[in-house]
Structure formats: C-alpha cells, structure tokens
Amino acid sequence: MEYTKPLARLIEYFQKLPSIGPKTAMRLALYIVKMSEQEVSNFAQALLDAKSRISYCETCFNMSCSNPCEICSDNQRNKTIVCVVAETKDLMAIEKTNEYQGLYHVLQGLISPIDGIGPDDIRIKELLYRVANNDIKEVILALNPSVEGEATSLYLCKLLKPFNIKITRIAFGLPMGSELEYADEMTLTRALEGRVEIE
C-alpha cells in the first residue's frame, strides 16, 4: 500500500530509530498525525531542545546539559569509586537502583574488532587519565556479558592493574523468577562465579 507522501516520510523516519519495525513506525506516525497541532509542536521542540542542548560531560562522558554533569558535580557522591559502563543507558539503569553512590565513566562503546572499533575509538585513555590523576580507590566494570564486553573488561583490567587499585566487576547471574533449566551456560557460570556467602 502506498501512503500519502508526508505520512510515508514520517514512517520512514520512525523506522530509522532502533528496534522500530514497519508496523510500529506506522502506528507511531498515525498517532502523531492524530495529535493536536500544539502537541506536535511541543514534541518537535522537545526533539530540537534535546539535540541542541545535550552534549557530553568532559569528565565522565555522560550525556548532560551541564559540564561537568549533574553526577560529577554532586558533592554527596563517593569520588573514590568509578563505575565503568559502555553507554549512558547503562548508567541510567544503575542509577534507577538507587544503590550506587559513586562516579561513572561512560566508554561510549565497547571494543569490537569485527565492527572496526578498537581501544582508541572509545574513552579508555580518558579513564586511565582519571585514575592516574584522582584519588580513585576502586574501578567497577559494569559491562555487558557479551564477547565485546568481555574483551573490553580484560583489556581494561590489564591497563588498570599497574595503578594498584581495587578492580571489581558486577556479578552476572539469574534474574528473579527464572528457572535454572532455561538458563544458558554462560549465565549459570556467571551466577556461580558471583555467588556470595549466606550469613
């Protein structure tokens, strides 16, 4: 079916977003068309504001409107611990727990030779500079348990060892409500490795 040109163009742009297929793109486009002109104008302005005002913190490379970002400039944070994540979305996931009160370092990617991403293409040099020039006592590696995440973790461990600081990684295991028989070997291995003593 051929859509009228403005609608087809809107659907095309929605399809460029990650995880948006043709049907979802069509539903979103139709929803936008049904919105009031004021709502559409506000939506468009929110997109423009986000694009023009958000940049990267020069300290941790988190997305922010301020520099340093809100987390780096928060004096209540523990400045001796840095949690290393691949992307801002990972930082947001950790922040939602309200458990972690240290600082972050967003690598903006993972080492992936297949995709042509090497150590110089992500924010590893900046992490080493932070560790060398600040009173960092622990670096937590919170990278995905993927081939790229593992490669990046191993590489970072090798580079951070000479600093004589504590290097930890988050435990990977089974989600609540899951059953052992359906878990893959890597998940079970991580669950066993990350076991803790019952008090």
N, C-alpha and C. Protein backbone atom coordinates (compact mmCIF):
# COMPACT_ATOMS: atom_id res chain seq x y z
N MET A 1 0.84 -1.19 0.00
CA MET A 1 0.00 0.00 0.00
C MET A 1 0.88 1.25 0.00
N GLU A 2 0.49 2.21 -0.78
CA GLU A 2 1.24 3.48 -0.82
C GLU A 2 0.58 4.48 0.11
N TYR A 3 1.40 5.11 0.94
CA TYR A 3 0.89 6.14 1.84
C TYR A 3 1.06 7.50 1.18
N THR A 4 0.27 8.46 1.65
CA THR A 4 0.46 9.82 1.18
C THR A 4 1.87 10.27 1.57
N LYS A 5 2.51 11.09 0.76
CA LYS A 5 3.95 11.37 0.92
C LYS A 5 4.36 11.85 2.32
N PRO A 6 3.66 12.82 2.92
CA PRO A 6 4.10 13.26 4.27
C PRO A 6 4.05 12.13 5.29
N LEU A 7 3.03 11.27 5.20
CA LEU A 7 2.91 10.14 6.13
C LEU A 7 4.01 9.12 5.87
N ALA A 8 4.27 8.83 4.59
CA ALA A 8 5.33 7.89 4.22
C ALA A 8 6.68 8.37 4.74
N ARG A 9 6.92 9.67 4.64
CA ARG A 9 8.19 10.25 5.12
C ARG A 9 8.32 10.11 6.63
N LEU A 10 7.20 10.36 7.34
CA LEU A 10 7.20 10.23 8.80
C LEU A 10 7.46 8.78 9.21
N ILE A 11 6.82 7.84 8.53
CA ILE A 11 7.03 6.42 8.81
C ILE A 11 8.49 6.04 8.56
N GLU A 12 9.04 6.56 7.48
CA GLU A 12 10.44 6.29 7.13
C GLU A 12 11.39 6.76 8.23
N TYR A 13 11.13 7.95 8.80
CA TYR A 13 11.99 8.47 9.88
C TYR A 13 11.84 7.66 11.16
N PHE A 14 10.63 7.25 11.48
CA PHE A 14 10.45 6.42 12.68
C PHE A 14 11.17 5.08 12.53
N GLN A 15 11.19 4.53 11.30
CA GLN A 15 11.86 3.25 11.07
C GLN A 15 13.37 3.34 11.25
N LYS A 16 13.92 4.54 11.20
CA LYS A 16 15.36 4.72 11.40
C LYS A 16 15.75 4.57 12.87
N LEU A 17 14.76 4.65 13.77
CA LEU A 17 15.04 4.50 15.19
C LEU A 17 15.29 3.04 15.53
N PRO A 18 16.16 2.76 16.53
CA PRO A 18 16.46 1.36 16.87
C PRO A 18 15.22 0.62 17.36
N SER A 19 15.10 -0.61 16.97
CA SER A 19 14.02 -1.52 17.38
C SER A 19 12.64 -1.11 16.88
N ILE A 20 12.56 -0.22 15.91
CA ILE A 20 11.27 0.19 15.36
C ILE A 20 11.11 -0.43 13.97
N GLY A 21 10.18 -1.38 13.86
CA GLY A 21 9.90 -2.01 12.59
C GLY A 21 8.83 -1.24 11.82
N PRO A 22 8.47 -1.72 10.63
CA PRO A 22 7.50 -1.03 9.79
C PRO A 22 6.12 -0.82 10.45
N LYS A 23 5.62 -1.85 11.15
CA LYS A 23 4.30 -1.74 11.77
C LYS A 23 4.29 -0.73 12.91
N THR A 24 5.32 -0.79 13.76
CA THR A 24 5.42 0.17 14.87
C THR A 24 5.61 1.58 14.33
N ALA A 25 6.42 1.72 13.29
CA ALA A 25 6.65 3.03 12.68
C ALA A 25 5.34 3.61 12.16
N MET A 26 4.52 2.75 11.54
CA MET A 26 3.23 3.19 11.02
C MET A 26 2.31 3.63 12.15
N ARG A 27 2.25 2.84 13.24
CA ARG A 27 1.40 3.19 14.39
C ARG A 27 1.83 4.52 15.00
N LEU A 28 3.15 4.71 15.16
CA LEU A 28 3.65 5.97 15.73
C LEU A 28 3.32 7.16 14.83
N ALA A 29 3.51 6.98 13.52
CA ALA A 29 3.22 8.06 12.57
C ALA A 29 1.75 8.44 12.60
N LEU A 30 0.87 7.43 12.62
CA LEU A 30 -0.57 7.69 12.67
C LEU A 30 -0.96 8.38 13.98
N TYR A 31 -0.30 7.99 15.07
CA TYR A 31 -0.58 8.62 16.36
C TYR A 31 -0.19 10.10 16.33
N ILE A 32 0.97 10.39 15.76
CA ILE A 32 1.43 11.79 15.65
C ILE A 32 0.45 12.62 14.83
N VAL A 33 -0.03 12.05 13.72
CA VAL A 33 -0.96 12.78 12.85
C VAL A 33 -2.27 13.10 13.58
N LYS A 34 -2.66 12.21 14.49
CA LYS A 34 -3.91 12.43 15.25
C LYS A 34 -3.74 13.43 16.40
N MET A 35 -2.51 13.70 16.79
CA MET A 35 -2.26 14.65 17.89
C MET A 35 -2.66 16.06 17.45
N SER A 36 -2.91 16.92 18.45
CA SER A 36 -3.22 18.32 18.12
C SER A 36 -1.96 19.01 17.61
N GLU A 37 -2.15 20.09 16.88
CA GLU A 37 -1.01 20.81 16.33
C GLU A 37 -0.08 21.30 17.44
N GLN A 38 -0.66 21.71 18.58
CA GLN A 38 0.14 22.19 19.71
C GLN A 38 0.99 21.06 20.30
N GLU A 39 0.41 19.86 20.43
CA GLU A 39 1.16 18.71 20.95
C GLU A 39 2.31 18.34 20.01
N VAL A 40 2.04 18.37 18.73
CA VAL A 40 3.08 18.05 17.74
C VAL A 40 4.18 19.10 17.80
N SER A 41 3.79 20.36 17.96
CA SER A 41 4.76 21.45 18.05
C SER A 41 5.64 21.28 19.30
N ASN A 42 5.01 20.91 20.43
CA ASN A 42 5.76 20.68 21.67
C ASN A 42 6.71 19.50 21.54
N PHE A 43 6.24 18.45 20.87
CA PHE A 43 7.06 17.25 20.63
C PHE A 43 8.28 17.60 19.77
N ALA A 44 8.02 18.34 18.70
CA ALA A 44 9.11 18.76 17.80
C ALA A 44 10.11 19.64 18.55
N GLN A 45 9.61 20.54 19.41
CA GLN A 45 10.50 21.42 20.17
C GLN A 45 11.34 20.63 21.17
N ALA A 46 10.73 19.60 21.78
CA ALA A 46 11.47 18.73 22.72
C ALA A 46 12.61 18.03 22.00
N LEU A 47 12.37 17.57 20.77
CA LEU A 47 13.42 16.92 19.97
C LEU A 47 14.55 17.90 19.66
N LEU A 48 14.18 19.10 19.23
CA LEU A 48 15.19 20.13 18.89
C LEU A 48 15.99 20.55 20.12
N ASP A 49 15.30 20.72 21.26
CA ASP A 49 15.99 21.11 22.51
C ASP A 49 16.98 20.03 22.94
N ALA A 50 16.53 18.77 22.88
CA ALA A 50 17.41 17.66 23.28
C ALA A 50 18.66 17.64 22.40
N LYS A 51 18.46 17.81 21.09
CA LYS A 51 19.59 17.76 20.16
C LYS A 51 20.55 18.93 20.36
N SER A 52 20.02 20.11 20.60
CA SER A 52 20.88 21.30 20.69
C SER A 52 21.50 21.50 22.08
N ARG A 53 20.82 21.05 23.13
CA ARG A 53 21.30 21.34 24.49
C ARG A 53 22.11 20.22 25.14
N ILE A 54 21.90 18.98 24.69
CA ILE A 54 22.59 17.86 25.34
C ILE A 54 23.94 17.61 24.66
N SER A 55 24.97 17.53 25.49
CA SER A 55 26.31 17.19 24.99
C SER A 55 26.91 16.19 25.96
N TYR A 56 28.23 16.01 25.92
CA TYR A 56 28.87 15.03 26.80
C TYR A 56 29.69 15.73 27.87
N CYS A 57 29.59 15.21 29.09
CA CYS A 57 30.41 15.70 30.20
C CYS A 57 31.87 15.44 29.87
N GLU A 58 32.72 16.43 30.07
CA GLU A 58 34.14 16.28 29.74
C GLU A 58 34.89 15.41 30.75
N THR A 59 34.24 15.09 31.87
CA THR A 59 34.88 14.25 32.89
C THR A 59 34.52 12.77 32.70
N CYS A 60 33.20 12.49 32.65
CA CYS A 60 32.77 11.08 32.61
C CYS A 60 32.15 10.67 31.27
N PHE A 61 31.85 11.62 30.40
CA PHE A 61 31.27 11.38 29.08
C PHE A 61 29.83 10.87 29.12
N ASN A 62 29.13 11.24 30.20
CA ASN A 62 27.70 11.02 30.30
C ASN A 62 27.00 12.14 29.53
N MET A 63 25.81 11.88 29.02
CA MET A 63 25.04 12.93 28.35
C MET A 63 24.49 13.89 29.40
N SER A 64 24.63 15.18 29.12
CA SER A 64 24.17 16.18 30.08
C SER A 64 24.04 17.55 29.43
N CYS A 65 23.30 18.44 30.09
CA CYS A 65 23.19 19.84 29.65
C CYS A 65 24.26 20.68 30.32
N SER A 66 24.88 20.14 31.36
CA SER A 66 25.90 20.91 32.09
C SER A 66 27.25 20.21 32.00
N ASN A 67 28.29 20.96 32.28
CA ASN A 67 29.64 20.42 32.22
C ASN A 67 30.46 20.97 33.39
N PRO A 68 30.84 20.17 34.38
CA PRO A 68 30.61 18.73 34.49
C PRO A 68 29.13 18.40 34.67
N CYS A 69 28.78 17.15 34.47
CA CYS A 69 27.38 16.72 34.55
C CYS A 69 26.90 16.74 36.00
N GLU A 70 25.61 16.50 36.16
CA GLU A 70 24.98 16.53 37.49
C GLU A 70 25.61 15.52 38.44
N ILE A 71 26.01 14.35 37.94
CA ILE A 71 26.59 13.32 38.80
C ILE A 71 28.00 13.71 39.23
N CYS A 72 28.82 14.15 38.28
CA CYS A 72 30.21 14.53 38.59
C CYS A 72 30.27 15.73 39.54
N SER A 73 29.28 16.62 39.47
CA SER A 73 29.32 17.82 40.32
C SER A 73 28.58 17.64 41.65
N ASP A 74 28.03 16.45 41.88
CA ASP A 74 27.31 16.17 43.13
C ASP A 74 28.32 15.85 44.25
N ASN A 75 28.40 16.72 45.24
CA ASN A 75 29.36 16.54 46.33
C ASN A 75 29.00 15.41 47.29
N GLN A 76 27.79 14.88 47.18
CA GLN A 76 27.38 13.76 48.03
C GLN A 76 27.90 12.42 47.50
N ARG A 77 28.40 12.43 46.28
CA ARG A 77 28.89 11.19 45.66
C ARG A 77 30.25 10.80 46.20
N ASN A 78 30.49 9.48 46.22
CA ASN A 78 31.79 8.96 46.63
C ASN A 78 32.75 9.12 45.45
N LYS A 79 33.70 10.04 45.57
CA LYS A 79 34.61 10.37 44.46
C LYS A 79 35.77 9.37 44.30
N THR A 80 35.81 8.35 45.17
CA THR A 80 36.92 7.39 45.10
C THR A 80 36.55 6.13 44.32
N ILE A 81 35.27 6.02 43.91
CA ILE A 81 34.82 4.84 43.16
C ILE A 81 34.30 5.28 41.80
N VAL A 82 34.74 4.60 40.75
CA VAL A 82 34.26 4.88 39.40
C VAL A 82 33.69 3.61 38.80
N CYS A 83 32.45 3.69 38.35
CA CYS A 83 31.78 2.57 37.69
C CYS A 83 31.88 2.79 36.18
N VAL A 84 32.50 1.85 35.49
CA VAL A 84 32.70 1.96 34.04
C VAL A 84 31.55 1.26 33.31
N VAL A 85 30.87 2.02 32.46
CA VAL A 85 29.76 1.47 31.66
C VAL A 85 30.03 1.75 30.18
N ALA A 86 29.33 1.04 29.31
CA ALA A 86 29.54 1.22 27.88
C ALA A 86 28.80 2.44 27.35
N GLU A 87 27.56 2.64 27.78
CA GLU A 87 26.70 3.69 27.24
C GLU A 87 25.93 4.39 28.35
N THR A 88 25.39 5.56 28.04
CA THR A 88 24.59 6.31 29.01
C THR A 88 23.39 5.51 29.48
N LYS A 89 22.80 4.70 28.61
CA LYS A 89 21.63 3.90 29.00
C LYS A 89 21.98 2.92 30.13
N ASP A 90 23.24 2.43 30.15
CA ASP A 90 23.69 1.53 31.23
C ASP A 90 23.80 2.30 32.55
N LEU A 91 24.31 3.51 32.46
CA LEU A 91 24.40 4.39 33.64
C LEU A 91 22.99 4.62 34.20
N MET A 92 22.04 4.91 33.33
CA MET A 92 20.66 5.15 33.77
C MET A 92 20.07 3.93 34.47
N ALA A 93 20.38 2.74 33.95
CA ALA A 93 19.87 1.50 34.56
C ALA A 93 20.41 1.34 35.98
N ILE A 94 21.70 1.63 36.17
CA ILE A 94 22.31 1.52 37.50
C ILE A 94 21.75 2.58 38.43
N GLU A 95 21.57 3.79 37.92
CA GLU A 95 21.03 4.88 38.74
C GLU A 95 19.63 4.57 39.25
N LYS A 96 18.84 3.84 38.46
CA LYS A 96 17.46 3.50 38.86
C LYS A 96 17.43 2.66 40.13
N THR A 97 18.51 1.93 40.40
CA THR A 97 18.54 1.07 41.59
C THR A 97 18.67 1.87 42.88
N ASN A 98 19.19 3.08 42.80
CA ASN A 98 19.46 3.93 43.97
C ASN A 98 20.44 3.29 44.95
N GLU A 99 21.22 2.34 44.48
CA GLU A 99 22.18 1.63 45.33
C GLU A 99 23.59 2.19 45.21
N TYR A 100 23.95 2.64 44.04
CA TYR A 100 25.32 3.08 43.76
C TYR A 100 25.43 4.58 43.97
N GLN A 101 26.45 5.00 44.74
CA GLN A 101 26.63 6.42 45.04
C GLN A 101 28.00 6.97 44.63
N GLY A 102 28.69 6.24 43.76
CA GLY A 102 29.99 6.70 43.28
C GLY A 102 29.87 7.47 41.97
N LEU A 103 30.98 7.58 41.26
CA LEU A 103 31.02 8.27 39.97
C LEU A 103 30.95 7.25 38.84
N TYR A 104 30.87 7.74 37.62
CA TYR A 104 30.80 6.89 36.44
C TYR A 104 31.86 7.27 35.43
N HIS A 105 32.09 6.35 34.49
CA HIS A 105 32.87 6.66 33.30
C HIS A 105 32.20 5.93 32.14
N VAL A 106 31.69 6.69 31.17
CA VAL A 106 30.97 6.11 30.02
C VAL A 106 31.96 5.96 28.87
N LEU A 107 32.22 4.72 28.49
CA LEU A 107 33.19 4.45 27.43
C LEU A 107 32.70 4.87 26.04
N GLN A 108 31.39 4.99 25.90
CA GLN A 108 30.76 5.29 24.60
C GLN A 108 31.05 4.19 23.57
N GLY A 109 30.94 2.97 24.03
CA GLY A 109 31.11 1.82 23.15
C GLY A 109 31.93 0.73 23.81
N LEU A 110 32.14 -0.34 23.07
CA LEU A 110 32.95 -1.48 23.53
C LEU A 110 33.92 -1.86 22.42
N ILE A 111 35.02 -2.47 22.79
CA ILE A 111 35.99 -2.94 21.79
C ILE A 111 35.32 -4.04 20.96
N SER A 112 35.33 -3.85 19.65
CA SER A 112 34.70 -4.81 18.74
C SER A 112 35.44 -4.81 17.41
N PRO A 113 36.48 -5.64 17.29
CA PRO A 113 37.26 -5.67 16.05
C PRO A 113 36.41 -5.96 14.81
N ILE A 114 35.38 -6.76 14.95
CA ILE A 114 34.50 -7.08 13.82
C ILE A 114 33.84 -5.82 13.26
N ASP A 115 33.49 -4.90 14.18
CA ASP A 115 32.85 -3.64 13.77
C ASP A 115 33.86 -2.52 13.54
N GLY A 116 35.16 -2.88 13.64
CA GLY A 116 36.20 -1.88 13.42
C GLY A 116 36.37 -0.91 14.59
N ILE A 117 35.93 -1.32 15.80
CA ILE A 117 36.07 -0.46 16.99
C ILE A 117 37.21 -0.99 17.84
N GLY A 118 38.27 -0.20 17.93
CA GLY A 118 39.43 -0.57 18.74
C GLY A 118 39.49 0.25 20.01
N PRO A 119 40.49 0.01 20.85
CA PRO A 119 40.63 0.74 22.11
C PRO A 119 40.71 2.26 21.95
N ASP A 120 41.28 2.72 20.84
CA ASP A 120 41.41 4.16 20.62
C ASP A 120 40.11 4.82 20.19
N ASP A 121 39.09 4.02 19.88
CA ASP A 121 37.82 4.56 19.42
C ASP A 121 36.83 4.80 20.55
N ILE A 122 37.16 4.34 21.75
CA ILE A 122 36.29 4.57 22.91
C ILE A 122 37.10 5.32 23.99
N ARG A 123 36.47 5.66 25.08
CA ARG A 123 37.06 6.57 26.08
C ARG A 123 37.95 5.88 27.13
N ILE A 124 38.87 5.04 26.67
CA ILE A 124 39.77 4.33 27.58
C ILE A 124 40.89 5.25 28.06
N LYS A 125 41.49 6.03 27.17
CA LYS A 125 42.59 6.95 27.57
C LYS A 125 42.12 7.90 28.66
N GLU A 126 40.90 8.40 28.50
CA GLU A 126 40.34 9.34 29.47
C GLU A 126 40.13 8.68 30.83
N LEU A 127 39.74 7.39 30.83
CA LEU A 127 39.59 6.65 32.09
C LEU A 127 40.93 6.52 32.78
N LEU A 128 41.96 6.14 32.04
CA LEU A 128 43.30 5.99 32.63
C LEU A 128 43.80 7.32 33.18
N TYR A 129 43.50 8.41 32.48
CA TYR A 129 43.90 9.74 32.96
C TYR A 129 43.21 10.06 34.29
N ARG A 130 41.92 9.73 34.37
CA ARG A 130 41.17 9.98 35.61
C ARG A 130 41.75 9.19 36.78
N VAL A 131 42.06 7.92 36.54
CA VAL A 131 42.60 7.07 37.60
C VAL A 131 43.98 7.57 38.03
N ALA A 132 44.78 7.98 37.07
CA ALA A 132 46.14 8.45 37.37
C ALA A 132 46.16 9.79 38.11
N ASN A 133 45.17 10.63 37.87
CA ASN A 133 45.20 12.00 38.40
C ASN A 133 44.19 12.30 39.49
N ASN A 134 43.47 11.29 39.95
CA ASN A 134 42.50 11.48 41.03
C ASN A 134 42.69 10.40 42.08
N ASP A 135 42.06 10.58 43.21
CA ASP A 135 42.19 9.63 44.31
C ASP A 135 41.17 8.49 44.14
N ILE A 136 41.31 7.74 43.05
CA ILE A 136 40.39 6.63 42.77
C ILE A 136 40.92 5.38 43.47
N LYS A 137 40.05 4.77 44.28
CA LYS A 137 40.45 3.57 45.01
C LYS A 137 39.86 2.29 44.41
N GLU A 138 38.74 2.43 43.68
CA GLU A 138 38.11 1.25 43.08
C GLU A 138 37.50 1.60 41.73
N VAL A 139 37.67 0.69 40.78
CA VAL A 139 37.00 0.79 39.48
C VAL A 139 36.11 -0.44 39.34
N ILE A 140 34.82 -0.19 39.13
CA ILE A 140 33.85 -1.27 38.93
C ILE A 140 33.58 -1.39 37.44
N LEU A 141 33.77 -2.56 36.89
CA LEU A 141 33.48 -2.79 35.47
C LEU A 141 32.05 -3.32 35.36
N ALA A 142 31.17 -2.51 34.80
CA ALA A 142 29.76 -2.88 34.63
C ALA A 142 29.45 -2.95 33.14
N LEU A 143 30.13 -3.88 32.47
CA LEU A 143 29.98 -4.03 31.01
C LEU A 143 29.17 -5.28 30.71
N ASN A 144 28.46 -5.28 29.59
CA ASN A 144 27.60 -6.40 29.22
C ASN A 144 28.38 -7.71 29.13
N PRO A 145 27.74 -8.83 29.51
CA PRO A 145 28.42 -10.12 29.42
C PRO A 145 28.39 -10.68 28.00
N SER A 146 28.87 -9.88 27.07
CA SER A 146 28.94 -10.28 25.66
C SER A 146 30.41 -10.48 25.30
N VAL A 147 30.67 -10.94 24.09
CA VAL A 147 32.06 -11.11 23.63
C VAL A 147 32.78 -9.76 23.69
N GLU A 148 32.10 -8.70 23.22
CA GLU A 148 32.70 -7.35 23.23
C GLU A 148 32.92 -6.85 24.66
N GLY A 149 31.94 -7.11 25.53
CA GLY A 149 32.05 -6.70 26.93
C GLY A 149 33.20 -7.39 27.63
N GLU A 150 33.33 -8.69 27.36
CA GLU A 150 34.42 -9.48 27.96
C GLU A 150 35.78 -8.99 27.47
N ALA A 151 35.89 -8.75 26.16
CA ALA A 151 37.16 -8.29 25.58
C ALA A 151 37.55 -6.93 26.18
N THR A 152 36.57 -6.05 26.32
CA THR A 152 36.84 -4.72 26.88
C THR A 152 37.23 -4.82 28.35
N SER A 153 36.54 -5.68 29.10
CA SER A 153 36.87 -5.88 30.52
C SER A 153 38.28 -6.39 30.71
N LEU A 154 38.66 -7.40 29.92
CA LEU A 154 40.01 -7.96 30.02
C LEU A 154 41.07 -6.92 29.68
N TYR A 155 40.81 -6.16 28.64
CA TYR A 155 41.74 -5.10 28.22
C TYR A 155 41.90 -4.04 29.31
N LEU A 156 40.78 -3.63 29.90
CA LEU A 156 40.82 -2.62 30.96
C LEU A 156 41.54 -3.14 32.20
N CYS A 157 41.29 -4.40 32.55
CA CYS A 157 41.97 -5.00 33.72
C CYS A 157 43.49 -4.93 33.54
N LYS A 158 43.95 -5.27 32.35
CA LYS A 158 45.38 -5.26 32.06
C LYS A 158 45.96 -3.84 32.22
N LEU A 159 45.24 -2.85 31.73
CA LEU A 159 45.72 -1.46 31.81
C LEU A 159 45.62 -0.86 33.21
N LEU A 160 44.63 -1.30 33.99
CA LEU A 160 44.41 -0.72 35.32
C LEU A 160 45.25 -1.38 36.41
N LYS A 161 45.71 -2.62 36.19
CA LYS A 161 46.49 -3.36 37.20
C LYS A 161 47.66 -2.53 37.77
N PRO A 162 48.48 -1.86 36.94
CA PRO A 162 49.63 -1.13 37.47
C PRO A 162 49.29 0.01 38.44
N PHE A 163 48.03 0.44 38.48
CA PHE A 163 47.64 1.55 39.36
C PHE A 163 47.44 1.10 40.81
N ASN A 164 47.50 -0.22 41.05
CA ASN A 164 47.33 -0.76 42.40
C ASN A 164 46.03 -0.31 43.06
N ILE A 165 44.95 -0.38 42.31
CA ILE A 165 43.63 -0.06 42.85
C ILE A 165 42.78 -1.32 42.80
N LYS A 166 41.65 -1.28 43.51
CA LYS A 166 40.73 -2.42 43.52
C LYS A 166 39.96 -2.40 42.19
N ILE A 167 39.96 -3.52 41.48
CA ILE A 167 39.21 -3.64 40.23
C ILE A 167 38.17 -4.73 40.44
N THR A 168 36.89 -4.35 40.32
CA THR A 168 35.81 -5.31 40.51
C THR A 168 34.90 -5.30 39.29
N ARG A 169 34.05 -6.30 39.21
CA ARG A 169 33.05 -6.29 38.14
C ARG A 169 31.72 -6.71 38.74
N ILE A 170 30.64 -6.23 38.15
CA ILE A 170 29.34 -6.60 38.69
C ILE A 170 29.11 -8.09 38.45
N ALA A 171 28.36 -8.72 39.34
CA ALA A 171 28.06 -10.14 39.20
C ALA A 171 26.97 -10.31 38.15
N PHE A 172 27.07 -11.34 37.36
CA PHE A 172 26.04 -11.67 36.38
C PHE A 172 25.43 -12.98 36.80
N GLY A 173 24.13 -13.07 36.71
CA GLY A 173 23.51 -14.32 37.12
C GLY A 173 22.09 -14.44 36.63
N LEU A 174 21.30 -15.10 37.42
CA LEU A 174 19.93 -15.40 37.03
C LEU A 174 18.98 -14.31 37.49
N PRO A 175 18.06 -13.90 36.61
CA PRO A 175 17.07 -12.91 37.03
C PRO A 175 16.04 -13.55 37.95
N MET A 176 15.41 -12.74 38.79
CA MET A 176 14.37 -13.23 39.70
C MET A 176 13.25 -13.87 38.90
N GLY A 177 12.77 -15.02 39.37
CA GLY A 177 11.64 -15.68 38.73
C GLY A 177 12.01 -16.61 37.59
N SER A 178 13.31 -16.67 37.25
CA SER A 178 13.70 -17.55 36.13
C SER A 178 13.96 -18.96 36.65
N GLU A 179 13.99 -19.92 35.74
CA GLU A 179 14.23 -21.30 36.11
C GLU A 179 15.58 -21.76 35.58
N LEU A 180 16.30 -22.53 36.40
CA LEU A 180 17.65 -22.98 36.06
C LEU A 180 17.72 -23.73 34.73
N GLU A 181 16.73 -24.56 34.46
CA GLU A 181 16.80 -25.39 33.26
C GLU A 181 16.80 -24.57 31.96
N TYR A 182 16.28 -23.33 32.03
CA TYR A 182 16.21 -22.50 30.83
C TYR A 182 17.38 -21.53 30.69
N ALA A 183 18.25 -21.50 31.69
CA ALA A 183 19.40 -20.58 31.65
C ALA A 183 20.51 -21.15 30.78
N ASP A 184 21.18 -20.28 30.05
CA ASP A 184 22.30 -20.74 29.22
C ASP A 184 23.53 -20.97 30.09
N GLU A 185 24.54 -21.63 29.52
CA GLU A 185 25.74 -21.99 30.28
C GLU A 185 26.50 -20.77 30.81
N MET A 186 26.58 -19.72 29.98
CA MET A 186 27.32 -18.52 30.40
C MET A 186 26.65 -17.85 31.60
N THR A 187 25.31 -17.79 31.58
CA THR A 187 24.57 -17.19 32.70
C THR A 187 24.78 -17.99 33.97
N LEU A 188 24.71 -19.31 33.86
CA LEU A 188 24.93 -20.17 35.03
C LEU A 188 26.36 -20.07 35.54
N THR A 189 27.32 -19.99 34.62
CA THR A 189 28.72 -19.82 35.02
C THR A 189 28.89 -18.53 35.81
N ARG A 190 28.32 -17.44 35.28
CA ARG A 190 28.42 -16.14 35.95
C ARG A 190 27.72 -16.16 37.30
N ALA A 191 26.58 -16.85 37.37
CA ALA A 191 25.84 -16.94 38.63
C ALA A 191 26.67 -17.66 39.69
N LEU A 192 27.37 -18.72 39.27
CA LEU A 192 28.22 -19.46 40.21
C LEU A 192 29.44 -18.63 40.63
N GLU A 193 30.03 -17.95 39.67
CA GLU A 193 31.21 -17.11 39.96
C GLU A 193 30.85 -15.96 40.90
N GLY A 194 29.63 -15.43 40.74
CA GLY A 194 29.23 -14.26 41.54
C GLY A 194 28.52 -14.64 42.83
N ARG A 195 28.65 -15.90 43.26
CA ARG A 195 27.95 -16.34 44.48
C ARG A 195 28.50 -15.62 45.71
N VAL A 196 27.64 -15.43 46.68
CA VAL A 196 28.05 -14.76 47.93
C VAL A 196 27.69 -15.66 49.12
N GLU A 197 28.38 -15.45 50.21
CA GLU A 197 28.17 -16.25 51.41
C GLU A 197 26.86 -15.85 52.07
N ILE A 198 26.09 -16.85 52.53
CA ILE A 198 24.83 -16.58 53.24
C ILE A 198 25.17 -16.42 54.71
N GLU A 199 24.74 -15.29 55.24
CA GLU A 199 25.07 -15.01 56.67
C GLU A 199 23.97 -15.47 57.58
